[in-house]
Amino acid sequence: MHGVDDQRVLDAVRTYVKLQRASHAINARTEPRLTQAGLTHTQLGVLEALLHLGPLTQRELTRKLLTSPGNLTDVIDKLAKRALVERHRCPEDRRSVRVVLTPAGQSFIAGLFPDHARDIAHAMAGLSAEDLASLERMLRQLGLHAAS
């Protein structure tokens, strides 16, 4: 490693490590409530997406949650066993499966999510509103660039 590009590589790696540590710290802050509710972060992600976006196909959920189709199938199986979600074949494309919240699932996530959101807010309380807005912009930019 030599020169200016090498310094950029080192800076990127240090920043990446800090991003990962921050993410792990926030997840550790939210984990107890999820464990108490019997959920993983991915299960919560499915329920939260359905709460805020309405019914979605498994393919849409896979893209939104950045998980594999196989993992998502397992996650949805577990939520369905708890009667929190149901699968319905899409009438317009029988190969496609739409996932919907059951009334019990709607009640469950609507009751859990506000406290989960507060847990996240408490974990991020060290940042001002301006810091959060700036971080959001930077992370969006980073995500778009990394995905391209």
C-alpha atoms as a PDB file:
ATOM      1  CA  MET A   1       0.000   0.000   0.000  1.00  0.00           C
ATOM      2  CA  HIS A   2       1.503   3.288  -1.114  1.00  0.00           C
ATOM      3  CA  GLY A   3       0.414   6.892  -1.628  1.00  0.00           C
ATOM      4  CA  VAL A   4      -2.829   8.819  -1.412  1.00  0.00           C
ATOM      5  CA  ASP A   5      -5.008   5.927  -2.542  1.00  0.00           C
ATOM      6  CA  ASP A   6      -3.595   3.831   0.292  1.00  0.00           C
ATOM      7  CA  GLN A   7      -4.651   6.466   2.819  1.00  0.00           C
ATOM      8  CA  ARG A   8      -8.157   6.452   1.305  1.00  0.00           C
ATOM      9  CA  VAL A   9      -8.262   2.656   1.692  1.00  0.00           C
ATOM     10  CA  LEU A  10      -7.242   2.926   5.350  1.00  0.00           C
ATOM     11  CA  ASP A  11      -9.788   5.687   5.967  1.00  0.00           C
ATOM     12  CA  ALA A  12     -12.521   3.612   4.306  1.00  0.00           C
ATOM     13  CA  VAL A  13     -11.689   0.525   6.380  1.00  0.00           C
ATOM     14  CA  ARG A  14     -11.618   2.503   9.653  1.00  0.00           C
ATOM     15  CA  THR A  15     -14.938   4.126   8.802  1.00  0.00           C
ATOM     16  CA  TYR A  16     -16.454   0.778   7.821  1.00  0.00           C
ATOM     17  CA  VAL A  17     -15.411  -0.742  11.159  1.00  0.00           C
ATOM     18  CA  LYS A  18     -16.966   2.199  13.033  1.00  0.00           C
ATOM     19  CA  LEU A  19     -20.175   1.845  10.991  1.00  0.00           C
ATOM     20  CA  GLN A  20     -20.339  -1.861  11.842  1.00  0.00           C
ATOM     21  CA  ARG A  21     -19.681  -1.223  15.549  1.00  0.00           C
ATOM     22  CA  ALA A  22     -22.380   1.460  15.666  1.00  0.00           C
ATOM     23  CA  SER A  23     -24.834  -0.867  13.943  1.00  0.00           C
ATOM     24  CA  HIS A  24     -24.050  -3.670  16.389  1.00  0.00           C
ATOM     25  CA  ALA A  25     -24.433  -1.308  19.359  1.00  0.00           C
ATOM     26  CA  ILE A  26     -27.839  -0.129  18.147  1.00  0.00           C
ATOM     27  CA  ASN A  27     -28.951  -3.713  17.524  1.00  0.00           C
ATOM     28  CA  ALA A  28     -27.804  -4.661  21.035  1.00  0.00           C
ATOM     29  CA  ARG A  29     -29.981  -1.828  22.387  1.00  0.00           C
ATOM     30  CA  THR A  30     -33.064  -3.102  20.524  1.00  0.00           C
ATOM     31  CA  GLU A  31     -32.445  -6.834  21.028  1.00  0.00           C
ATOM     32  CA  PRO A  32     -33.993  -7.272  24.518  1.00  0.00           C
ATOM     33  CA  ARG A  33     -37.433  -6.044  23.423  1.00  0.00           C
ATOM     34  CA  LEU A  34     -37.342  -8.230  20.320  1.00  0.00           C
ATOM     35  CA  THR A  35     -36.225 -11.265  22.323  1.00  0.00           C
ATOM     36  CA  GLN A  36     -39.052 -10.647  24.784  1.00  0.00           C
ATOM     37  CA  ALA A  37     -41.476 -10.498  21.835  1.00  0.00           C
ATOM     38  CA  GLY A  38     -39.980 -13.697  20.380  1.00  0.00           C
ATOM     39  CA  LEU A  39     -38.743 -11.987  17.206  1.00  0.00           C
ATOM     40  CA  THR A  40     -35.539 -11.737  15.250  1.00  0.00           C
ATOM     41  CA  HIS A  41     -34.561  -8.492  13.538  1.00  0.00           C
ATOM     42  CA  THR A  42     -35.579  -9.986  10.179  1.00  0.00           C
ATOM     43  CA  GLN A  43     -38.976 -11.077  11.504  1.00  0.00           C
ATOM     44  CA  LEU A  44     -39.510  -7.582  12.852  1.00  0.00           C
ATOM     45  CA  GLY A  45     -38.481  -6.206   9.451  1.00  0.00           C
ATOM     46  CA  VAL A  46     -41.156  -8.271   7.708  1.00  0.00           C
ATOM     47  CA  LEU A  47     -43.861  -7.189  10.158  1.00  0.00           C
ATOM     48  CA  GLU A  48     -42.760  -3.539  10.037  1.00  0.00           C
ATOM     49  CA  ALA A  49     -42.701  -3.494   6.227  1.00  0.00           C
ATOM     50  CA  LEU A  50     -46.192  -4.992   6.067  1.00  0.00           C
ATOM     51  CA  LEU A  51     -47.439  -2.544   8.704  1.00  0.00           C
ATOM     52  CA  HIS A  52     -46.157   0.522   6.871  1.00  0.00           C
ATOM     53  CA  LEU A  53     -46.398  -0.597   3.232  1.00  0.00           C
ATOM     54  CA  GLY A  54     -49.287  -3.057   3.244  1.00  0.00           C
ATOM     55  CA  PRO A  55     -49.249  -6.507   1.640  1.00  0.00           C
ATOM     56  CA  LEU A  56     -46.064  -7.285  -0.300  1.00  0.00           C
ATOM     57  CA  THR A  57     -44.896 -10.191  -2.398  1.00  0.00           C
ATOM     58  CA  GLN A  58     -42.120 -12.376  -1.055  1.00  0.00           C
ATOM     59  CA  ARG A  59     -39.875 -11.013  -3.812  1.00  0.00           C
ATOM     60  CA  GLU A  60     -40.584  -7.420  -2.715  1.00  0.00           C
ATOM     61  CA  LEU A  61     -39.856  -8.328   0.911  1.00  0.00           C
ATOM     62  CA  THR A  62     -36.599 -10.019  -0.095  1.00  0.00           C
ATOM     63  CA  ARG A  63     -35.447  -6.801  -1.799  1.00  0.00           C
ATOM     64  CA  LYS A  64     -36.602  -4.517   1.002  1.00  0.00           C
ATOM     65  CA  LEU A  65     -34.986  -6.578   3.760  1.00  0.00           C
ATOM     66  CA  LEU A  66     -31.804  -7.414   1.844  1.00  0.00           C
ATOM     67  CA  THR A  67     -32.103 -11.102   2.650  1.00  0.00           C
ATOM     68  CA  SER A  68     -32.085 -14.284   0.601  1.00  0.00           C
ATOM     69  CA  PRO A  69     -35.307 -15.834  -0.698  1.00  0.00           C
ATOM     70  CA  GLY A  70     -34.570 -18.991   1.312  1.00  0.00           C
ATOM     71  CA  ASN A  71     -34.086 -17.073   4.558  1.00  0.00           C
ATOM     72  CA  LEU A  72     -37.221 -15.046   3.936  1.00  0.00           C
ATOM     73  CA  THR A  73     -39.249 -18.220   3.359  1.00  0.00           C
ATOM     74  CA  ASP A  74     -38.091 -19.532   6.744  1.00  0.00           C
ATOM     75  CA  VAL A  75     -38.868 -16.192   8.445  1.00  0.00           C
ATOM     76  CA  ILE A  76     -42.364 -16.071   6.944  1.00  0.00           C
ATOM     77  CA  ASP A  77     -42.968 -19.736   7.873  1.00  0.00           C
ATOM     78  CA  LYS A  78     -42.218 -18.893  11.517  1.00  0.00           C
ATOM     79  CA  LEU A  79     -44.439 -15.789  11.481  1.00  0.00           C
ATOM     80  CA  ALA A  80     -47.245 -17.791   9.831  1.00  0.00           C
ATOM     81  CA  LYS A  81     -46.980 -20.497  12.530  1.00  0.00           C
ATOM     82  CA  ARG A  82     -47.609 -17.734  15.068  1.00  0.00           C
ATOM     83  CA  ALA A  83     -50.625 -16.577  12.977  1.00  0.00           C
ATOM     84  CA  LEU A  84     -49.054 -13.133  12.494  1.00  0.00           C
ATOM     85  CA  VAL A  85     -48.964 -13.315   8.671  1.00  0.00           C
ATOM     86  CA  GLU A  86     -50.653 -15.259   5.899  1.00  0.00           C
ATOM     87  CA  ARG A  87     -49.595 -16.073   2.348  1.00  0.00           C
ATOM     88  CA  HIS A  88     -51.958 -15.582  -0.565  1.00  0.00           C
ATOM     89  CA  ARG A  89     -51.345 -16.450  -4.194  1.00  0.00           C
ATOM     90  CA  CYS A  90     -51.541 -13.340  -6.358  1.00  0.00           C
ATOM     91  CA  PRO A  91     -54.543 -13.661  -8.674  1.00  0.00           C
ATOM     92  CA  GLU A  92     -52.724 -11.744 -11.434  1.00  0.00           C
ATOM     93  CA  ASP A  93     -49.659 -14.046 -11.225  1.00  0.00           C
ATOM     94  CA  ARG A  94     -50.227 -17.401  -9.528  1.00  0.00           C
ATOM     95  CA  ARG A  95     -46.437 -17.921  -9.236  1.00  0.00           C
ATOM     96  CA  SER A  96     -46.232 -14.909  -6.951  1.00  0.00           C
ATOM     97  CA  VAL A  97     -47.116 -15.040  -3.250  1.00  0.00           C
ATOM     98  CA  ARG A  98     -48.329 -11.989  -1.362  1.00  0.00           C
ATOM     99  CA  VAL A  99     -47.700 -11.790   2.381  1.00  0.00           C
ATOM    100  CA  VAL A 100     -50.295 -10.018   4.520  1.00  0.00           C
ATOM    101  CA  LEU A 101     -50.616  -9.256   8.210  1.00  0.00           C
ATOM    102  CA  THR A 102     -53.363 -11.117  10.010  1.00  0.00           C
ATOM    103  CA  PRO A 103     -55.506  -9.089  12.418  1.00  0.00           C
ATOM    104  CA  ALA A 104     -53.420 -10.591  15.255  1.00  0.00           C
ATOM    105  CA  GLY A 105     -50.226  -9.632  13.401  1.00  0.00           C
ATOM    106  CA  GLN A 106     -51.498  -6.101  12.827  1.00  0.00           C
ATOM    107  CA  SER A 107     -52.286  -5.700  16.516  1.00  0.00           C
ATOM    108  CA  PHE A 108     -48.974  -7.280  17.562  1.00  0.00           C
ATOM    109  CA  ILE A 109     -46.702  -5.093  15.413  1.00  0.00           C
ATOM    110  CA  ALA A 110     -48.759  -1.929  15.960  1.00  0.00           C
ATOM    111  CA  GLY A 111     -48.269  -2.420  19.696  1.00  0.00           C
ATOM    112  CA  LEU A 112     -44.574  -3.319  19.471  1.00  0.00           C
ATOM    113  CA  PHE A 113     -43.239  -0.912  16.863  1.00  0.00           C
ATOM    114  CA  PRO A 114     -43.613   2.387  18.774  1.00  0.00           C
ATOM    115  CA  ASP A 115     -41.503   1.027  21.657  1.00  0.00           C
ATOM    116  CA  HIS A 116     -38.966  -0.424  19.208  1.00  0.00           C
ATOM    117  CA  ALA A 117     -38.723   2.956  17.473  1.00  0.00           C
ATOM    118  CA  ARG A 118     -38.131   4.633  20.857  1.00  0.00           C
ATOM    119  CA  ASP A 119     -35.368   2.103  21.595  1.00  0.00           C
ATOM    120  CA  ILE A 120     -33.689   3.127  18.337  1.00  0.00           C
ATOM    121  CA  ALA A 121     -34.128   6.813  19.165  1.00  0.00           C
ATOM    122  CA  HIS A 122     -32.551   6.295  22.597  1.00  0.00           C
ATOM    123  CA  ALA A 123     -29.625   4.435  21.039  1.00  0.00           C
ATOM    124  CA  MET A 124     -29.091   7.334  18.622  1.00  0.00           C
ATOM    125  CA  ALA A 125     -29.675  10.094  21.173  1.00  0.00           C
ATOM    126  CA  GLY A 126     -26.020  11.120  20.966  1.00  0.00           C
ATOM    127  CA  LEU A 127     -26.748  12.717  17.585  1.00  0.00           C
ATOM    128  CA  SER A 128     -28.588  15.981  17.050  1.00  0.00           C
ATOM    129  CA  ALA A 129     -31.451  16.261  14.567  1.00  0.00           C
ATOM    130  CA  GLU A 130     -29.010  17.916  12.164  1.00  0.00           C
ATOM    131  CA  ASP A 131     -26.495  15.077  12.673  1.00  0.00           C
ATOM    132  CA  LEU A 132     -29.203  12.481  11.983  1.00  0.00           C
ATOM    133  CA  ALA A 133     -30.274  14.245   8.775  1.00  0.00           C
ATOM    134  CA  SER A 134     -26.659  14.488   7.629  1.00  0.00           C
ATOM    135  CA  LEU A 135     -25.967  10.846   8.475  1.00  0.00           C
ATOM    136  CA  GLU A 136     -29.115   9.770   6.635  1.00  0.00           C
ATOM    137  CA  ARG A 137     -27.982  11.648   3.504  1.00  0.00           C
ATOM    138  CA  MET A 138     -24.487  10.186   3.692  1.00  0.00           C
ATOM    139  CA  LEU A 139     -25.711   6.632   4.248  1.00  0.00           C
ATOM    140  CA  ARG A 140     -28.134   6.918   1.328  1.00  0.00           C
ATOM    141  CA  GLN A 141     -25.309   8.176  -0.881  1.00  0.00           C
ATOM    142  CA  LEU A 142     -23.026   5.383   0.360  1.00  0.00           C
ATOM    143  CA  GLY A 143     -25.676   2.740  -0.223  1.00  0.00           C
ATOM    144  CA  LEU A 144     -26.441   3.917  -3.740  1.00  0.00           C
ATOM    145  CA  HIS A 145     -22.777   4.066  -4.670  1.00  0.00           C
ATOM    146  CA  ALA A 146     -21.971   0.674  -3.125  1.00  0.00           C
ATOM    147  CA  ALA A 147     -24.928  -0.928  -4.941  1.00  0.00           C
ATOM    148  CA  SER A 148     -23.898   0.441  -8.347  1.00  0.00           C
END
